[in-house]
Amino acid sequence: MVAGHLSGRTSIKSCFSSWAACLSVATVFARGRGNRSYVAIIDTALLSPHVKIYHVPKLREAGICHHHIPVEYLAYGPINGPAFHCVAYDDIFAGNFASLAGRSYRNTSFDWSIYGHLDKRVAAAKKLASLFCPNPKERPDIIIALTTAFSSLVHCGPVMMLAKMTLDKKLFGELIVHLAHEIKNAMVSTTGPKKPGLVNPLMYRELPQLKQMVLLLERIELLFLS
């Protein structure tokens, strides 16, 4: 079943769904699925006990499949309820997605007034992030994570960029300004020593946009400890 799912075989019934940690990867796959495509997010902390998440390279190491797809994760079992929310790809693209990525995403048509100005880019990213979060007051961590993800689309590019990539300090500073309210709410929304987790330290991060997103979120998480 795993091999058939990863091969895209439609003749089998799969108990798995495919997921990616990288926003740019998810949108590329959604774009190729026609007008009725969606991009979804899941909160792994809210998944039902029966749902299990597997990184495809780990399945390969176990001899379950021969596919080498490091950007892909498989979820076993149905995902629903508060752990799941999806947005139509058309709505994402209409929300200035192309202007957030600009030339780094091989776009030929985008709004330079957004792409060329960091403050407007982060503001647009936050507005786009809100599409995935019906209750932003209750889940400021989702707004923080997705605003950071959309803002970091500008760092999409060849893998060779990874070796030299460091934290984008200007982008970090702008995120702190635009997400000040959400960061404050996230810091006080959890009682006790445990604070909201924005990123899994063990997640795959070997793509430029993904690595920059992780660097930014790890730095924001440090604010929760202050």
Protein backbone atom coordinates (compact mmCIF):
# COMPACT_ATOMS: atom_id res chain seq x y z
CA MET A 1 0.00 0.00 0.00
CA VAL A 2 2.80 2.45 0.88
CA ALA A 3 4.64 1.89 -2.39
CA GLY A 4 1.44 2.19 -4.37
CA HIS A 5 0.52 5.42 -2.62
CA LEU A 6 3.94 6.98 -3.22
CA SER A 7 3.82 5.91 -6.86
CA GLY A 8 0.52 7.73 -7.29
CA ARG A 9 -1.42 4.62 -8.25
CA THR A 10 -5.14 5.35 -8.38
CA SER A 11 -6.06 1.67 -8.68
CA ILE A 12 -5.49 1.03 -4.97
CA LYS A 13 -7.22 2.19 -1.83
CA SER A 14 -4.76 3.97 0.41
CA CYS A 15 -5.08 4.55 4.14
CA PHE A 16 -2.41 7.24 3.90
CA SER A 17 -2.41 10.93 3.06
CA SER A 18 0.66 12.85 1.89
CA TRP A 19 2.03 15.87 3.74
CA ALA A 20 5.05 18.16 3.49
CA ALA A 21 6.77 20.36 6.03
CA CYS A 22 7.60 22.85 3.28
CA LEU A 23 4.88 25.24 2.19
CA SER A 24 6.38 25.73 -1.26
CA VAL A 25 6.33 21.97 -1.89
CA ALA A 26 2.68 21.70 -0.84
CA THR A 27 1.60 24.55 -3.12
CA VAL A 28 3.49 23.11 -6.10
CA PHE A 29 1.60 19.83 -5.75
CA ALA A 30 -1.70 21.63 -5.24
CA ARG A 31 -1.14 23.75 -8.33
CA GLY A 32 -0.88 20.64 -10.47
CA ARG A 33 -4.21 19.21 -9.27
CA GLY A 34 -6.58 21.51 -11.17
CA ASN A 35 -9.13 24.07 -10.02
CA ARG A 36 -10.44 22.04 -7.07
CA SER A 37 -7.15 21.69 -5.22
CA TYR A 38 -6.55 22.59 -1.60
CA VAL A 39 -3.65 23.11 0.76
CA ALA A 40 -4.23 21.87 4.31
CA ILE A 41 -2.44 22.22 7.62
CA ILE A 42 -2.50 19.81 10.53
CA ASP A 43 -1.66 20.36 14.16
CA THR A 44 0.16 17.19 15.15
CA ALA A 45 -0.49 17.93 18.82
CA LEU A 46 -4.24 17.55 18.21
CA LEU A 47 -4.22 14.43 16.07
CA SER A 48 -6.34 11.48 17.17
CA PRO A 49 -4.34 8.63 18.77
CA HIS A 50 -4.93 6.37 15.77
CA VAL A 51 -3.15 8.79 13.37
CA LYS A 52 0.54 8.05 12.86
CA ILE A 53 3.00 10.22 10.93
CA TYR A 54 5.91 8.64 9.04
CA HIS A 55 8.79 10.35 7.23
CA VAL A 56 9.24 8.62 3.87
CA PRO A 57 13.05 8.21 4.24
CA LYS A 58 12.41 6.28 7.47
CA LEU A 59 10.04 3.95 5.63
CA ARG A 60 12.73 3.43 3.02
CA GLU A 61 15.29 2.59 5.70
CA ALA A 62 12.87 0.03 7.11
CA GLY A 63 12.55 -1.59 3.69
CA ILE A 64 8.86 -0.72 3.36
CA CYS A 65 9.35 1.28 0.15
CA HIS A 66 12.10 2.15 -2.30
CA HIS A 67 11.08 5.77 -2.83
CA HIS A 68 13.49 8.54 -1.86
CA ILE A 69 11.25 11.55 -1.21
CA PRO A 70 12.72 13.45 1.75
CA VAL A 71 10.16 16.26 1.52
CA GLU A 72 7.21 13.91 2.04
CA TYR A 73 5.52 12.58 5.15
CA LEU A 74 2.72 10.01 5.24
CA ALA A 75 -0.13 10.15 7.72
CA TYR A 76 -1.91 6.87 8.46
CA GLY A 77 -5.59 7.17 9.25
CA PRO A 78 -8.30 9.80 8.76
CA ILE A 79 -7.54 13.34 9.92
CA ASN A 80 -10.40 15.61 10.94
CA GLY A 81 -11.66 17.90 13.67
CA PRO A 82 -9.65 20.80 15.12
CA ALA A 83 -6.35 19.28 13.97
CA PHE A 84 -7.22 19.93 10.34
CA HIS A 85 -7.98 23.00 8.23
CA CYS A 86 -7.72 23.51 4.49
CA VAL A 87 -7.86 26.44 2.07
CA ALA A 88 -8.52 26.38 -1.67
CA TYR A 89 -5.39 26.90 -3.75
CA ASP A 90 -7.19 29.59 -5.76
CA ASP A 91 -7.81 31.55 -2.56
CA ILE A 92 -4.15 31.23 -1.59
CA PHE A 93 -3.00 32.48 -4.98
CA ALA A 94 -5.52 35.33 -4.83
CA GLY A 95 -4.02 36.33 -1.47
CA ASN A 96 -0.83 37.71 -3.04
CA PHE A 97 0.99 34.37 -2.86
CA ALA A 98 2.98 35.12 -6.02
CA SER A 99 3.99 38.53 -4.68
CA LEU A 100 5.32 36.98 -1.47
CA ALA A 101 7.66 34.72 -3.43
CA GLY A 102 8.41 37.03 -6.35
CA ARG A 103 11.24 36.06 -8.64
CA SER A 104 12.57 33.48 -6.20
CA TYR A 105 9.61 31.25 -7.04
CA ARG A 106 10.06 31.59 -10.81
CA ASN A 107 7.02 33.82 -11.06
CA THR A 108 6.82 36.17 -14.01
CA SER A 109 3.84 38.15 -12.78
CA PHE A 110 3.59 39.61 -9.29
CA ASP A 111 3.04 42.88 -7.46
CA TRP A 112 6.43 44.50 -6.99
CA SER A 113 4.99 47.01 -4.50
CA ILE A 114 4.47 44.05 -2.13
CA TYR A 115 7.46 41.90 -3.02
CA GLY A 116 9.87 44.83 -2.93
CA HIS A 117 8.85 46.14 0.49
CA LEU A 118 9.48 43.95 3.51
CA ASP A 119 6.80 45.47 5.72
CA LYS A 120 4.09 45.01 3.07
CA ARG A 121 5.30 41.48 2.37
CA VAL A 122 5.01 40.43 6.00
CA ALA A 123 1.61 42.14 6.31
CA ALA A 124 0.38 40.23 3.25
CA ALA A 125 1.82 36.99 4.66
CA LYS A 126 -0.07 37.50 7.92
CA LYS A 127 -3.32 38.12 6.07
CA LEU A 128 -2.78 34.96 4.04
CA ALA A 129 -1.99 32.99 7.19
CA SER A 130 -5.33 34.05 8.68
CA LEU A 131 -7.14 32.02 5.98
CA PHE A 132 -5.90 28.87 7.70
CA CYS A 133 -6.93 29.96 11.19
CA PRO A 134 -10.66 30.56 11.79
CA ASN A 135 -9.96 31.41 15.46
CA PRO A 136 -6.76 33.50 15.52
CA LYS A 137 -7.35 34.64 19.11
CA GLU A 138 -7.40 31.04 20.26
CA ARG A 139 -4.49 29.89 18.09
CA PRO A 140 -1.90 32.67 17.82
CA ASP A 141 0.76 30.01 17.26
CA ILE A 142 -0.78 29.12 13.89
CA ILE A 143 -0.69 32.75 12.77
CA ILE A 144 2.95 33.02 13.88
CA ALA A 145 4.02 29.81 12.14
CA LEU A 146 2.21 30.44 8.85
CA THR A 147 3.10 34.13 8.66
CA THR A 148 6.72 33.09 9.02
CA ALA A 149 6.29 30.36 6.41
CA PHE A 150 4.70 32.67 3.84
CA SER A 151 7.22 35.44 4.57
CA SER A 152 10.13 33.08 3.96
CA LEU A 153 8.94 32.16 0.44
CA VAL A 154 11.33 34.80 -0.82
CA HIS A 155 14.13 32.40 0.09
CA CYS A 156 13.01 29.68 -2.33
CA GLY A 157 15.90 28.70 -4.54
CA PRO A 158 18.50 26.05 -5.39
CA VAL A 159 19.65 23.66 -2.68
CA MET A 160 23.19 25.01 -3.04
CA MET A 161 22.01 28.06 -1.09
CA LEU A 162 21.68 25.99 2.08
CA ALA A 163 25.35 26.00 3.05
CA LYS A 164 25.50 29.79 3.28
CA MET A 165 22.05 30.40 4.72
CA THR A 166 21.80 32.25 8.01
CA LEU A 167 18.94 33.90 9.84
CA ASP A 168 17.39 36.74 7.83
CA LYS A 169 17.68 39.37 10.58
CA LYS A 170 15.69 42.02 8.75
CA LEU A 171 12.82 39.62 8.16
CA PHE A 172 13.00 38.47 11.79
CA GLY A 173 12.75 42.07 12.98
CA GLU A 174 9.74 42.75 10.78
CA LEU A 175 8.01 39.56 11.95
CA ILE A 176 8.44 40.63 15.57
CA VAL A 177 6.74 43.94 14.77
CA HIS A 178 3.81 42.43 12.88
CA LEU A 179 3.37 39.47 15.23
CA ALA A 180 3.86 41.29 18.53
CA HIS A 181 0.24 40.72 19.59
CA GLU A 182 0.27 37.04 18.63
CA ILE A 183 3.61 36.41 20.32
CA LYS A 184 2.36 38.04 23.51
CA ASN A 185 -0.83 35.95 23.46
CA ALA A 186 1.12 32.77 22.74
CA MET A 187 3.40 33.45 25.70
CA VAL A 188 0.49 33.80 28.15
CA SER A 189 -1.88 31.23 26.63
CA THR A 190 -0.05 28.27 28.16
CA THR A 191 0.33 27.91 31.90
CA GLY A 192 3.26 26.19 33.52
CA PRO A 193 6.73 25.57 32.08
CA LYS A 194 5.48 24.31 28.70
CA LYS A 195 5.20 26.93 25.96
CA PRO A 196 3.73 26.61 22.45
CA GLY A 197 5.99 24.73 20.07
CA LEU A 198 6.32 26.36 16.67
CA VAL A 199 8.68 23.91 14.99
CA ASN A 200 9.76 20.30 15.39
CA PRO A 201 13.55 20.32 15.92
CA LEU A 202 13.77 16.93 14.17
CA MET A 203 11.91 17.94 11.02
CA TYR A 204 13.43 17.80 7.57
CA ARG A 205 14.81 21.22 6.64
CA GLU A 206 17.03 20.70 3.60
CA LEU A 207 15.32 23.25 1.36
CA PRO A 208 16.25 26.96 1.42
CA GLN A 209 12.76 28.31 2.15
CA LEU A 210 12.13 25.61 4.73
CA LYS A 211 15.45 26.14 6.47
CA GLN A 212 14.90 29.89 6.71
CA MET A 213 11.43 29.31 8.12
CA VAL A 214 12.86 26.97 10.78
CA LEU A 215 15.62 29.43 11.70
CA LEU A 216 13.07 32.21 12.14
CA LEU A 217 10.66 30.09 14.19
CA GLU A 218 13.45 28.80 16.42
CA ARG A 219 14.47 32.38 17.14
CA ILE A 220 10.88 33.36 17.90
CA GLU A 221 10.56 30.37 20.25
CA LEU A 222 13.44 31.80 22.29
CA LEU A 223 11.19 34.75 23.10
CA PHE A 224 8.88 32.34 24.92
CA LEU A 225 11.72 31.53 27.31
CA SER A 226 12.41 35.15 28.21
